[in-house]
Amino acid sequence: DSLVMDTITVTADTSDGGSQTTSGSASIIIGSPPNKCFVLVGDNWPANFLANLQAAIVKITTDHPVYAAKVCAGGDIEIVYDPTPHTYWGFHFHLSGNDITLYSGGLGSQLNAEYILTHESAHHLNNINPALYIEYVHYAGVPEERPICSYDPDTLLEPEAFAEAAALYGSEKPFSCFVSGSFKGDYPFHWEFENTKVFH
């Protein structure tokens, strides 16, 4: 049971004397690698986006099995791709057949795909486990840490901060706005909540 992924990067000289680099990815699934409840819907996924998302799913379910189990407690999470250009990377609808919609911005790398899928699936978790969300809202120190700089000012809103904290903890995506250099250093109460209540 494996996900095999290959990426090719090409750098070419341009007519103006510069260079241009581009890359592409492809993946193949052998057997049934761990994907828990994440179900990709539709046949319009560009190959490189599909490869990055599939790798992100395997990473989330392998590295964070407790989180994946909590998110999957409500059944399958159907994920669709929308090629329409958007400034945001994804949206959680919580509908049958379209729980999460992802856009191109968040699928250009495995790390970005992991980040946005964790963010959007945390919105799903908010819907299926309202007790956990209420605990987050009232967790000591968390309200004073909002907004989270990686998604400011939207994370003034508690549901967005809940999802963003999960995405930052789970993906460990670095952001230049972190004064200490890390999510844990800048948002210790959010990190503690994710570490003790969501991911373990």
N, C-alpha and C. Protein backbone atom coordinates (compact mmCIF):
# COMPACT_ATOMS: atom_id res chain seq x y z
N ASP A 1 0.85 -1.18 0.00
CA ASP A 1 0.00 0.00 0.00
C ASP A 1 0.89 1.24 0.00
N SER A 2 0.94 1.91 -1.14
CA SER A 2 1.88 3.03 -1.28
C SER A 2 1.31 4.12 -2.17
N LEU A 3 1.80 5.31 -1.92
CA LEU A 3 1.60 6.43 -2.83
C LEU A 3 2.98 6.76 -3.37
N VAL A 4 3.16 6.61 -4.68
CA VAL A 4 4.44 6.91 -5.31
C VAL A 4 4.27 8.23 -6.05
N MET A 5 5.17 9.16 -5.76
CA MET A 5 5.06 10.50 -6.32
C MET A 5 6.39 10.87 -6.95
N ASP A 6 6.32 11.52 -8.10
CA ASP A 6 7.53 11.98 -8.78
C ASP A 6 7.32 13.43 -9.19
N THR A 7 8.36 14.21 -9.01
CA THR A 7 8.33 15.62 -9.40
C THR A 7 9.48 15.90 -10.34
N ILE A 8 9.20 16.63 -11.40
CA ILE A 8 10.24 17.03 -12.34
C ILE A 8 10.30 18.55 -12.35
N THR A 9 11.53 19.08 -12.30
CA THR A 9 11.74 20.52 -12.36
C THR A 9 12.62 20.83 -13.56
N VAL A 10 12.19 21.80 -14.36
CA VAL A 10 12.92 22.18 -15.57
C VAL A 10 13.26 23.66 -15.49
N THR A 11 14.51 23.99 -15.78
CA THR A 11 14.95 25.38 -15.88
C THR A 11 15.44 25.61 -17.30
N ALA A 12 14.90 26.64 -17.94
CA ALA A 12 15.27 26.93 -19.33
C ALA A 12 15.68 28.39 -19.46
N ASP A 13 16.56 28.64 -20.41
CA ASP A 13 16.98 30.01 -20.73
C ASP A 13 15.88 30.70 -21.52
N THR A 14 15.66 31.98 -21.21
CA THR A 14 14.65 32.74 -21.93
C THR A 14 15.33 33.63 -22.97
N SER A 15 14.55 34.17 -23.88
CA SER A 15 15.10 34.99 -24.96
C SER A 15 15.73 36.29 -24.46
N ASP A 16 15.33 36.74 -23.27
CA ASP A 16 15.91 37.98 -22.74
C ASP A 16 17.17 37.74 -21.90
N GLY A 17 17.68 36.52 -21.93
CA GLY A 17 18.92 36.20 -21.23
C GLY A 17 18.72 35.71 -19.80
N GLY A 18 17.50 35.69 -19.34
CA GLY A 18 17.21 35.18 -17.99
C GLY A 18 16.92 33.69 -18.03
N SER A 19 16.31 33.22 -17.00
CA SER A 19 15.90 31.82 -16.97
C SER A 19 14.53 31.71 -16.32
N GLN A 20 13.86 30.64 -16.63
CA GLN A 20 12.55 30.38 -16.07
C GLN A 20 12.52 28.93 -15.61
N THR A 21 11.97 28.73 -14.41
CA THR A 21 11.88 27.39 -13.83
C THR A 21 10.43 27.03 -13.62
N THR A 22 10.09 25.79 -13.94
CA THR A 22 8.75 25.28 -13.69
C THR A 22 8.87 23.83 -13.26
N SER A 23 7.83 23.34 -12.61
CA SER A 23 7.86 21.95 -12.18
C SER A 23 6.48 21.34 -12.31
N GLY A 24 6.44 20.04 -12.29
CA GLY A 24 5.19 19.30 -12.35
C GLY A 24 5.33 18.01 -11.54
N SER A 25 4.20 17.47 -11.12
CA SER A 25 4.21 16.25 -10.31
C SER A 25 3.19 15.28 -10.85
N ALA A 26 3.41 14.04 -10.55
CA ALA A 26 2.45 12.99 -10.86
C ALA A 26 2.53 11.96 -9.75
N SER A 27 1.43 11.26 -9.52
CA SER A 27 1.43 10.24 -8.48
C SER A 27 0.68 9.02 -8.97
N ILE A 28 0.99 7.92 -8.33
CA ILE A 28 0.29 6.67 -8.62
C ILE A 28 0.01 6.00 -7.29
N ILE A 29 -1.16 5.46 -7.12
CA ILE A 29 -1.53 4.77 -5.89
C ILE A 29 -1.47 3.27 -6.15
N ILE A 30 -0.76 2.59 -5.25
CA ILE A 30 -0.67 1.13 -5.31
C ILE A 30 -1.35 0.60 -4.05
N GLY A 31 -2.37 -0.19 -4.22
CA GLY A 31 -3.10 -0.71 -3.06
C GLY A 31 -3.94 0.37 -2.42
N SER A 32 -3.89 0.41 -1.10
CA SER A 32 -4.71 1.36 -0.34
C SER A 32 -3.88 2.06 0.72
N PRO A 33 -3.14 3.11 0.34
CA PRO A 33 -2.40 3.86 1.36
C PRO A 33 -3.39 4.54 2.30
N PRO A 34 -2.93 4.89 3.51
CA PRO A 34 -3.86 5.46 4.49
C PRO A 34 -4.44 6.79 4.04
N ASN A 35 -5.76 6.83 3.88
CA ASN A 35 -6.41 8.09 3.55
C ASN A 35 -7.62 8.34 4.44
N LYS A 36 -7.83 7.43 5.39
CA LYS A 36 -8.94 7.54 6.34
C LYS A 36 -10.23 7.84 5.59
N CYS A 37 -10.82 9.01 5.85
CA CYS A 37 -12.12 9.34 5.29
C CYS A 37 -12.05 10.38 4.18
N PHE A 38 -10.85 10.78 3.78
CA PHE A 38 -10.71 11.83 2.77
C PHE A 38 -10.96 11.22 1.39
N VAL A 39 -12.01 11.69 0.73
CA VAL A 39 -12.42 11.15 -0.57
C VAL A 39 -12.36 12.27 -1.61
N LEU A 40 -11.55 12.06 -2.64
CA LEU A 40 -11.43 13.05 -3.71
C LEU A 40 -12.53 12.80 -4.73
N VAL A 41 -13.26 13.86 -5.05
CA VAL A 41 -14.42 13.76 -5.93
C VAL A 41 -14.12 14.49 -7.24
N GLY A 42 -14.53 13.90 -8.35
CA GLY A 42 -14.39 14.55 -9.65
C GLY A 42 -13.14 14.11 -10.39
N ASP A 43 -13.15 14.37 -11.70
CA ASP A 43 -12.02 13.98 -12.54
C ASP A 43 -11.33 15.20 -13.14
N ASN A 44 -11.50 16.36 -12.50
CA ASN A 44 -10.92 17.60 -13.04
C ASN A 44 -9.67 18.05 -12.28
N TRP A 45 -9.08 17.17 -11.49
CA TRP A 45 -7.89 17.52 -10.71
C TRP A 45 -6.67 17.54 -11.62
N PRO A 46 -5.94 18.67 -11.72
CA PRO A 46 -4.66 18.65 -12.43
C PRO A 46 -3.70 17.68 -11.74
N ALA A 47 -2.89 16.98 -12.52
CA ALA A 47 -2.05 15.91 -11.99
C ALA A 47 -1.16 16.36 -10.84
N ASN A 48 -0.52 17.53 -10.98
CA ASN A 48 0.39 17.97 -9.91
C ASN A 48 -0.38 18.33 -8.64
N PHE A 49 -1.55 18.94 -8.76
CA PHE A 49 -2.36 19.26 -7.59
C PHE A 49 -2.85 17.98 -6.91
N LEU A 50 -3.27 17.03 -7.72
CA LEU A 50 -3.73 15.75 -7.20
C LEU A 50 -2.61 15.04 -6.44
N ALA A 51 -1.42 15.04 -7.02
CA ALA A 51 -0.27 14.39 -6.37
C ALA A 51 0.05 15.06 -5.04
N ASN A 52 0.05 16.38 -5.01
CA ASN A 52 0.35 17.09 -3.76
C ASN A 52 -0.71 16.83 -2.70
N LEU A 53 -1.98 16.79 -3.09
CA LEU A 53 -3.05 16.55 -2.13
C LEU A 53 -3.00 15.12 -1.62
N GLN A 54 -2.78 14.16 -2.51
CA GLN A 54 -2.70 12.76 -2.07
C GLN A 54 -1.55 12.57 -1.09
N ALA A 55 -0.41 13.19 -1.36
CA ALA A 55 0.73 13.10 -0.44
C ALA A 55 0.39 13.76 0.89
N ALA A 56 -0.33 14.89 0.85
CA ALA A 56 -0.73 15.57 2.08
C ALA A 56 -1.67 14.71 2.91
N ILE A 57 -2.61 14.04 2.26
CA ILE A 57 -3.54 13.15 2.96
C ILE A 57 -2.78 12.04 3.67
N VAL A 58 -1.85 11.41 2.95
CA VAL A 58 -1.07 10.33 3.57
C VAL A 58 -0.27 10.87 4.76
N LYS A 59 0.32 12.06 4.61
CA LYS A 59 1.11 12.65 5.70
C LYS A 59 0.23 12.96 6.91
N ILE A 60 -0.93 13.55 6.69
CA ILE A 60 -1.83 13.88 7.80
C ILE A 60 -2.27 12.61 8.52
N THR A 61 -2.70 11.61 7.77
CA THR A 61 -3.23 10.39 8.39
C THR A 61 -2.14 9.55 9.04
N THR A 62 -0.91 9.66 8.55
CA THR A 62 0.20 8.90 9.12
C THR A 62 0.82 9.62 10.31
N ASP A 63 1.09 10.92 10.16
CA ASP A 63 1.75 11.68 11.22
C ASP A 63 0.79 12.09 12.34
N HIS A 64 -0.48 12.23 12.02
CA HIS A 64 -1.45 12.72 13.01
C HIS A 64 -2.70 11.82 13.03
N PRO A 65 -2.53 10.55 13.41
CA PRO A 65 -3.68 9.63 13.36
C PRO A 65 -4.81 10.00 14.32
N VAL A 66 -4.49 10.61 15.45
CA VAL A 66 -5.55 11.01 16.40
C VAL A 66 -6.39 12.12 15.80
N TYR A 67 -5.72 13.11 15.19
CA TYR A 67 -6.46 14.19 14.51
C TYR A 67 -7.33 13.61 13.40
N ALA A 68 -6.74 12.74 12.57
CA ALA A 68 -7.50 12.14 11.47
C ALA A 68 -8.71 11.37 11.98
N ALA A 69 -8.55 10.65 13.08
CA ALA A 69 -9.67 9.89 13.65
C ALA A 69 -10.78 10.82 14.13
N LYS A 70 -10.40 11.93 14.75
CA LYS A 70 -11.42 12.89 15.22
C LYS A 70 -12.15 13.52 14.04
N VAL A 71 -11.42 13.91 13.02
CA VAL A 71 -12.02 14.53 11.84
C VAL A 71 -12.92 13.54 11.11
N CYS A 72 -12.52 12.28 11.09
CA CYS A 72 -13.25 11.26 10.34
C CYS A 72 -14.39 10.64 11.14
N ALA A 73 -14.58 11.06 12.38
CA ALA A 73 -15.65 10.48 13.21
C ALA A 73 -17.04 10.70 12.61
N GLY A 74 -17.17 11.69 11.76
CA GLY A 74 -18.46 11.98 11.14
C GLY A 74 -18.66 11.31 9.79
N GLY A 75 -17.74 10.44 9.37
CA GLY A 75 -17.85 9.78 8.07
C GLY A 75 -16.97 10.42 7.02
N ASP A 76 -17.19 10.06 5.78
CA ASP A 76 -16.35 10.54 4.68
C ASP A 76 -16.38 12.06 4.55
N ILE A 77 -15.22 12.60 4.17
CA ILE A 77 -15.10 14.02 3.86
C ILE A 77 -14.81 14.11 2.37
N GLU A 78 -15.78 14.57 1.62
CA GLU A 78 -15.64 14.64 0.16
C GLU A 78 -15.01 15.98 -0.23
N ILE A 79 -13.95 15.87 -1.03
CA ILE A 79 -13.15 17.04 -1.41
C ILE A 79 -13.23 17.23 -2.92
N VAL A 80 -13.61 18.42 -3.34
CA VAL A 80 -13.69 18.72 -4.77
C VAL A 80 -12.69 19.82 -5.12
N TYR A 81 -12.33 19.87 -6.39
CA TYR A 81 -11.43 20.90 -6.90
C TYR A 81 -12.23 21.87 -7.76
N ASP A 82 -12.05 23.16 -7.50
CA ASP A 82 -12.69 24.20 -8.31
C ASP A 82 -11.59 25.02 -8.98
N PRO A 83 -11.51 25.00 -10.32
CA PRO A 83 -10.46 25.74 -11.01
C PRO A 83 -10.68 27.24 -11.08
N THR A 84 -11.83 27.72 -10.60
CA THR A 84 -12.11 29.15 -10.61
C THR A 84 -11.07 29.89 -9.76
N PRO A 85 -10.45 30.94 -10.27
CA PRO A 85 -9.44 31.67 -9.48
C PRO A 85 -10.06 32.32 -8.24
N HIS A 86 -9.38 32.14 -7.11
CA HIS A 86 -9.80 32.75 -5.85
C HIS A 86 -8.56 33.24 -5.11
N THR A 87 -8.74 34.21 -4.24
CA THR A 87 -7.62 34.66 -3.42
C THR A 87 -7.42 33.73 -2.23
N TYR A 88 -8.46 33.03 -1.82
CA TYR A 88 -8.33 32.07 -0.72
C TYR A 88 -8.10 30.68 -1.30
N TRP A 89 -7.65 29.77 -0.45
CA TRP A 89 -7.19 28.46 -0.92
C TRP A 89 -8.23 27.36 -0.80
N GLY A 90 -9.24 27.56 0.02
CA GLY A 90 -10.23 26.51 0.21
C GLY A 90 -11.45 27.04 0.91
N PHE A 91 -12.49 26.19 0.96
CA PHE A 91 -13.72 26.56 1.63
C PHE A 91 -14.40 25.30 2.13
N HIS A 92 -14.91 25.38 3.35
CA HIS A 92 -15.64 24.25 3.93
C HIS A 92 -17.13 24.52 3.83
N PHE A 93 -17.83 23.64 3.10
CA PHE A 93 -19.28 23.80 2.91
C PHE A 93 -20.10 22.90 3.83
N HIS A 94 -19.53 21.75 4.23
CA HIS A 94 -20.21 20.76 5.06
C HIS A 94 -21.50 20.26 4.39
N LEU A 95 -21.38 19.97 3.10
CA LEU A 95 -22.51 19.44 2.33
C LEU A 95 -22.17 18.04 1.83
N SER A 96 -23.16 17.22 1.65
CA SER A 96 -22.94 15.90 1.06
C SER A 96 -22.49 16.09 -0.38
N GLY A 97 -21.42 15.42 -0.76
CA GLY A 97 -20.89 15.54 -2.11
C GLY A 97 -19.90 16.67 -2.29
N ASN A 98 -19.85 17.60 -1.33
CA ASN A 98 -18.91 18.71 -1.40
C ASN A 98 -18.70 19.27 0.01
N ASP A 99 -17.93 18.55 0.78
CA ASP A 99 -17.65 19.01 2.14
C ASP A 99 -16.60 20.11 2.10
N ILE A 100 -15.54 19.87 1.31
CA ILE A 100 -14.45 20.84 1.19
C ILE A 100 -14.19 21.09 -0.28
N THR A 101 -14.07 22.36 -0.66
CA THR A 101 -13.64 22.74 -2.00
C THR A 101 -12.26 23.34 -1.88
N LEU A 102 -11.34 22.88 -2.73
CA LEU A 102 -9.99 23.42 -2.75
C LEU A 102 -9.75 24.13 -4.07
N TYR A 103 -8.95 25.19 -4.00
CA TYR A 103 -8.60 25.99 -5.17
C TYR A 103 -7.10 25.88 -5.42
N SER A 104 -6.66 26.37 -6.55
CA SER A 104 -5.27 26.15 -6.99
C SER A 104 -4.23 26.73 -6.04
N GLY A 105 -4.52 27.84 -5.37
CA GLY A 105 -3.52 28.49 -4.53
C GLY A 105 -2.91 27.61 -3.46
N GLY A 106 -3.69 26.70 -2.92
CA GLY A 106 -3.21 25.85 -1.84
C GLY A 106 -2.69 24.50 -2.26
N LEU A 107 -2.61 24.26 -3.55
CA LEU A 107 -2.25 22.92 -4.02
C LEU A 107 -0.92 22.88 -4.76
N GLY A 108 -0.19 23.98 -4.78
CA GLY A 108 1.06 24.06 -5.53
C GLY A 108 2.22 23.31 -4.92
N SER A 109 2.10 22.91 -3.65
CA SER A 109 3.14 22.11 -3.00
C SER A 109 2.47 21.19 -1.99
N GLN A 110 3.19 20.16 -1.59
CA GLN A 110 2.63 19.25 -0.59
C GLN A 110 2.40 19.97 0.73
N LEU A 111 3.33 20.84 1.14
CA LEU A 111 3.17 21.57 2.40
C LEU A 111 1.93 22.45 2.37
N ASN A 112 1.72 23.18 1.28
CA ASN A 112 0.53 24.02 1.18
C ASN A 112 -0.75 23.19 1.18
N ALA A 113 -0.72 22.05 0.50
CA ALA A 113 -1.89 21.16 0.48
C ALA A 113 -2.18 20.62 1.87
N GLU A 114 -1.13 20.26 2.60
CA GLU A 114 -1.31 19.77 3.97
C GLU A 114 -1.89 20.87 4.86
N TYR A 115 -1.37 22.06 4.71
CA TYR A 115 -1.83 23.21 5.49
C TYR A 115 -3.32 23.49 5.23
N ILE A 116 -3.70 23.62 3.96
CA ILE A 116 -5.09 23.99 3.66
C ILE A 116 -6.06 22.86 3.96
N LEU A 117 -5.64 21.61 3.74
CA LEU A 117 -6.54 20.50 4.06
C LEU A 117 -6.74 20.40 5.57
N THR A 118 -5.69 20.63 6.34
CA THR A 118 -5.85 20.61 7.80
C THR A 118 -6.76 21.76 8.24
N HIS A 119 -6.57 22.94 7.66
CA HIS A 119 -7.42 24.09 8.00
C HIS A 119 -8.89 23.78 7.71
N GLU A 120 -9.17 23.33 6.49
CA GLU A 120 -10.57 23.10 6.10
C GLU A 120 -11.17 21.92 6.85
N SER A 121 -10.38 20.88 7.10
CA SER A 121 -10.92 19.73 7.84
C SER A 121 -11.14 20.09 9.31
N ALA A 122 -10.43 21.10 9.83
CA ALA A 122 -10.71 21.57 11.19
C ALA A 122 -12.06 22.29 11.24
N HIS A 123 -12.45 22.94 10.16
CA HIS A 123 -13.82 23.49 10.10
C HIS A 123 -14.84 22.35 10.17
N HIS A 124 -14.52 21.26 9.50
CA HIS A 124 -15.39 20.08 9.56
C HIS A 124 -15.46 19.56 11.00
N LEU A 125 -14.32 19.48 11.66
CA LEU A 125 -14.26 19.02 13.05
C LEU A 125 -15.10 19.92 13.94
N ASN A 126 -15.04 21.20 13.72
CA ASN A 126 -15.85 22.17 14.45
C ASN A 126 -17.33 21.81 14.34
N ASN A 127 -17.77 21.39 13.14
CA ASN A 127 -19.18 21.05 12.91
C ASN A 127 -19.58 19.74 13.57
N ILE A 128 -18.70 18.74 13.55
CA ILE A 128 -19.09 17.43 14.08
C ILE A 128 -18.76 17.25 15.56
N ASN A 129 -17.93 18.15 16.12
CA ASN A 129 -17.56 18.05 17.53
C ASN A 129 -17.66 19.44 18.18
N PRO A 130 -18.88 19.93 18.34
CA PRO A 130 -19.04 21.28 18.89
C PRO A 130 -18.50 21.43 20.32
N ALA A 131 -18.45 20.34 21.08
CA ALA A 131 -17.92 20.41 22.45
C ALA A 131 -16.44 20.79 22.43
N LEU A 132 -15.69 20.23 21.48
CA LEU A 132 -14.27 20.56 21.36
C LEU A 132 -14.10 22.03 20.98
N TYR A 133 -14.94 22.49 20.08
CA TYR A 133 -14.88 23.90 19.66
C TYR A 133 -15.19 24.83 20.84
N ILE A 134 -16.21 24.52 21.63
CA ILE A 134 -16.56 25.35 22.79
C ILE A 134 -15.40 25.36 23.79
N GLU A 135 -14.75 24.20 23.94
CA GLU A 135 -13.59 24.14 24.84
C GLU A 135 -12.49 25.07 24.33
N TYR A 136 -12.28 25.10 23.02
CA TYR A 136 -11.29 26.01 22.43
C TYR A 136 -11.64 27.47 22.73
N VAL A 137 -12.88 27.84 22.52
CA VAL A 137 -13.31 29.22 22.69
C VAL A 137 -13.00 29.72 24.11
N HIS A 138 -13.12 28.83 25.09
CA HIS A 138 -12.95 29.23 26.49
C HIS A 138 -11.62 28.78 27.08
N TYR A 139 -10.71 28.26 26.27
CA TYR A 139 -9.43 27.75 26.77
C TYR A 139 -8.57 28.92 27.26
N ALA A 140 -8.03 28.78 28.46
CA ALA A 140 -7.26 29.87 29.09
C ALA A 140 -6.13 30.36 28.19
N GLY A 141 -6.08 31.67 27.97
CA GLY A 141 -5.03 32.30 27.20
C GLY A 141 -5.28 32.41 25.71
N VAL A 142 -6.18 31.57 25.17
CA VAL A 142 -6.43 31.55 23.72
C VAL A 142 -7.08 32.84 23.22
N PRO A 143 -8.12 33.35 23.87
CA PRO A 143 -8.76 34.57 23.33
C PRO A 143 -7.79 35.75 23.21
N GLU A 144 -6.86 35.86 24.15
CA GLU A 144 -5.92 36.98 24.13
C GLU A 144 -4.89 36.86 23.02
N GLU A 145 -4.71 35.67 22.47
CA GLU A 145 -3.72 35.47 21.40
C GLU A 145 -4.28 35.76 20.00
N ARG A 146 -5.58 35.92 19.88
CA ARG A 146 -6.15 36.21 18.57
C ARG A 146 -6.01 37.69 18.24
N PRO A 147 -5.85 38.03 16.94
CA PRO A 147 -5.86 37.16 15.76
C PRO A 147 -4.50 36.49 15.55
N ILE A 148 -4.51 35.43 14.76
CA ILE A 148 -3.29 34.73 14.39
C ILE A 148 -2.76 35.38 13.12
N CYS A 149 -1.50 35.77 13.13
CA CYS A 149 -0.94 36.62 12.07
C CYS A 149 -0.98 35.99 10.68
N SER A 150 -0.96 34.67 10.60
CA SER A 150 -0.95 34.01 9.29
C SER A 150 -2.28 34.15 8.55
N TYR A 151 -3.33 34.52 9.26
CA TYR A 151 -4.65 34.65 8.64
C TYR A 151 -5.40 35.79 9.34
N ASP A 152 -4.77 36.95 9.36
CA ASP A 152 -5.29 38.13 10.03
C ASP A 152 -5.98 39.02 9.00
N PRO A 153 -7.11 39.60 9.23
CA PRO A 153 -7.84 39.71 10.48
C PRO A 153 -8.91 38.64 10.66
N ASP A 154 -9.02 37.70 9.70
CA ASP A 154 -10.10 36.71 9.78
C ASP A 154 -10.07 35.90 11.07
N THR A 155 -8.88 35.69 11.65
CA THR A 155 -8.80 34.88 12.85
C THR A 155 -9.22 35.64 14.11
N LEU A 156 -9.72 36.86 13.95
CA LEU A 156 -10.44 37.48 15.06
C LEU A 156 -11.72 36.68 15.31
N LEU A 157 -12.23 36.05 14.27
CA LEU A 157 -13.41 35.19 14.37
C LEU A 157 -12.98 33.84 14.92
N GLU A 158 -13.65 33.38 15.94
CA GLU A 158 -13.25 32.13 16.61
C GLU A 158 -13.22 30.91 15.70
N PRO A 159 -14.20 30.71 14.80
CA PRO A 159 -14.13 29.53 13.93
C PRO A 159 -12.90 29.53 13.02
N GLU A 160 -12.50 30.69 12.52
CA GLU A 160 -11.31 30.75 11.66
C GLU A 160 -10.04 30.53 12.47
N ALA A 161 -9.98 31.06 13.68
CA ALA A 161 -8.81 30.86 14.52
C ALA A 161 -8.69 29.39 14.92
N PHE A 162 -9.81 28.74 15.20
CA PHE A 162 -9.81 27.30 15.53
C PHE A 162 -9.20 26.50 14.39
N ALA A 163 -9.63 26.79 13.16
CA ALA A 163 -9.12 26.07 11.99
C ALA A 163 -7.67 26.41 11.69
N GLU A 164 -7.32 27.69 11.82
CA GLU A 164 -5.96 28.11 11.51
C GLU A 164 -4.96 27.52 12.50
N ALA A 165 -5.32 27.46 13.76
CA ALA A 165 -4.42 26.87 14.77
C ALA A 165 -4.15 25.41 14.45
N ALA A 166 -5.18 24.68 14.04
CA ALA A 166 -4.98 23.28 13.66
C ALA A 166 -4.06 23.17 12.46
N ALA A 167 -4.26 24.03 11.48
CA ALA A 167 -3.43 23.99 10.27
C ALA A 167 -1.97 24.29 10.58
N LEU A 168 -1.72 25.26 11.44
CA LEU A 168 -0.35 25.63 11.77
C LEU A 168 0.32 24.56 12.62
N TYR A 169 -0.41 23.98 13.55
CA TYR A 169 0.16 22.91 14.37
C TYR A 169 0.44 21.68 13.51
N GLY A 170 -0.55 21.28 12.73
CA GLY A 170 -0.44 20.04 11.97
C GLY A 170 0.58 20.10 10.85
N SER A 171 0.63 21.20 10.13
CA SER A 171 1.52 21.27 8.96
C SER A 171 2.90 21.82 9.31
N GLU A 172 2.99 22.55 10.43
CA GLU A 172 4.23 23.23 10.82
C GLU A 172 4.71 24.19 9.74
N LYS A 173 3.76 24.73 8.98
CA LYS A 173 4.10 25.68 7.91
C LYS A 173 4.66 26.95 8.53
N PRO A 174 5.85 27.37 8.09
CA PRO A 174 6.44 28.59 8.65
C PRO A 174 5.82 29.85 8.01
N PHE A 175 5.72 30.88 8.80
CA PHE A 175 5.26 32.18 8.30
C PHE A 175 6.21 33.26 8.79
N SER A 176 6.51 34.21 7.93
CA SER A 176 7.47 35.26 8.29
C SER A 176 6.92 36.17 9.39
N CYS A 177 5.63 36.16 9.62
CA CYS A 177 5.05 37.02 10.66
C CYS A 177 5.28 36.49 12.07
N PHE A 178 5.77 35.25 12.20
CA PHE A 178 6.04 34.70 13.53
C PHE A 178 7.27 35.40 14.11
N VAL A 179 7.08 36.19 15.14
CA VAL A 179 8.16 36.95 15.76
C VAL A 179 9.22 36.01 16.34
N SER A 180 8.76 34.94 16.97
CA SER A 180 9.69 33.99 17.59
C SER A 180 10.24 32.99 16.57
N GLY A 181 9.65 32.98 15.40
CA GLY A 181 10.05 32.03 14.37
C GLY A 181 9.18 30.79 14.31
N SER A 182 8.20 30.67 15.24
CA SER A 182 7.37 29.47 15.23
C SER A 182 5.97 29.76 15.76
N PHE A 183 5.03 28.91 15.37
CA PHE A 183 3.66 28.98 15.88
C PHE A 183 3.68 28.77 17.40
N LYS A 184 4.43 27.79 17.85
CA LYS A 184 4.50 27.49 19.29
C LYS A 184 5.02 28.67 20.08
N GLY A 185 6.02 29.35 19.55
CA GLY A 185 6.62 30.47 20.27
C GLY A 185 5.72 31.69 20.34
N ASP A 186 4.98 31.96 19.26
CA ASP A 186 4.12 33.15 19.22
C ASP A 186 2.75 32.92 19.84
N TYR A 187 2.26 31.68 19.76
CA TYR A 187 0.89 31.38 20.21
C TYR A 187 0.91 30.16 21.13
N PRO A 188 1.56 30.27 22.29
CA PRO A 188 1.74 29.09 23.15
C PRO A 188 0.44 28.47 23.65
N PHE A 189 -0.58 29.27 23.89
CA PHE A 189 -1.84 28.70 24.38
C PHE A 189 -2.59 27.97 23.26
N HIS A 190 -2.54 28.53 22.06
CA HIS A 190 -3.11 27.82 20.92
C HIS A 190 -2.36 26.51 20.68
N TRP A 191 -1.03 26.58 20.72
CA TRP A 191 -0.22 25.38 20.51
C TRP A 191 -0.54 24.32 21.56
N GLU A 192 -0.65 24.74 22.82
CA GLU A 192 -0.98 23.80 23.90
C GLU A 192 -2.34 23.15 23.69
N PHE A 193 -3.32 23.95 23.26
CA PHE A 193 -4.65 23.39 23.01
C PHE A 193 -4.58 22.35 21.90
N GLU A 194 -3.91 22.67 20.81
CA GLU A 194 -3.79 21.71 19.70
C GLU A 194 -3.05 20.46 20.15
N ASN A 195 -2.00 20.64 20.91
CA ASN A 195 -1.16 19.52 21.34
C ASN A 195 -1.89 18.59 22.31
N THR A 196 -2.70 19.16 23.19
CA THR A 196 -3.34 18.34 24.23
C THR A 196 -4.78 17.94 23.92
N LYS A 197 -5.48 18.72 23.09
CA LYS A 197 -6.91 18.48 22.89
C LYS A 197 -7.28 18.01 21.48
N VAL A 198 -6.51 18.41 20.48
CA VAL A 198 -6.90 18.14 19.10
C VAL A 198 -6.06 17.03 18.47
N PHE A 199 -4.75 17.09 18.63
CA PHE A 199 -3.86 16.16 17.93
C PHE A 199 -3.42 14.96 18.78
N HIS A 200 -3.70 14.99 20.07
CA HIS A 200 -3.31 13.87 20.93
C HIS A 200 -4.45 13.47 21.84
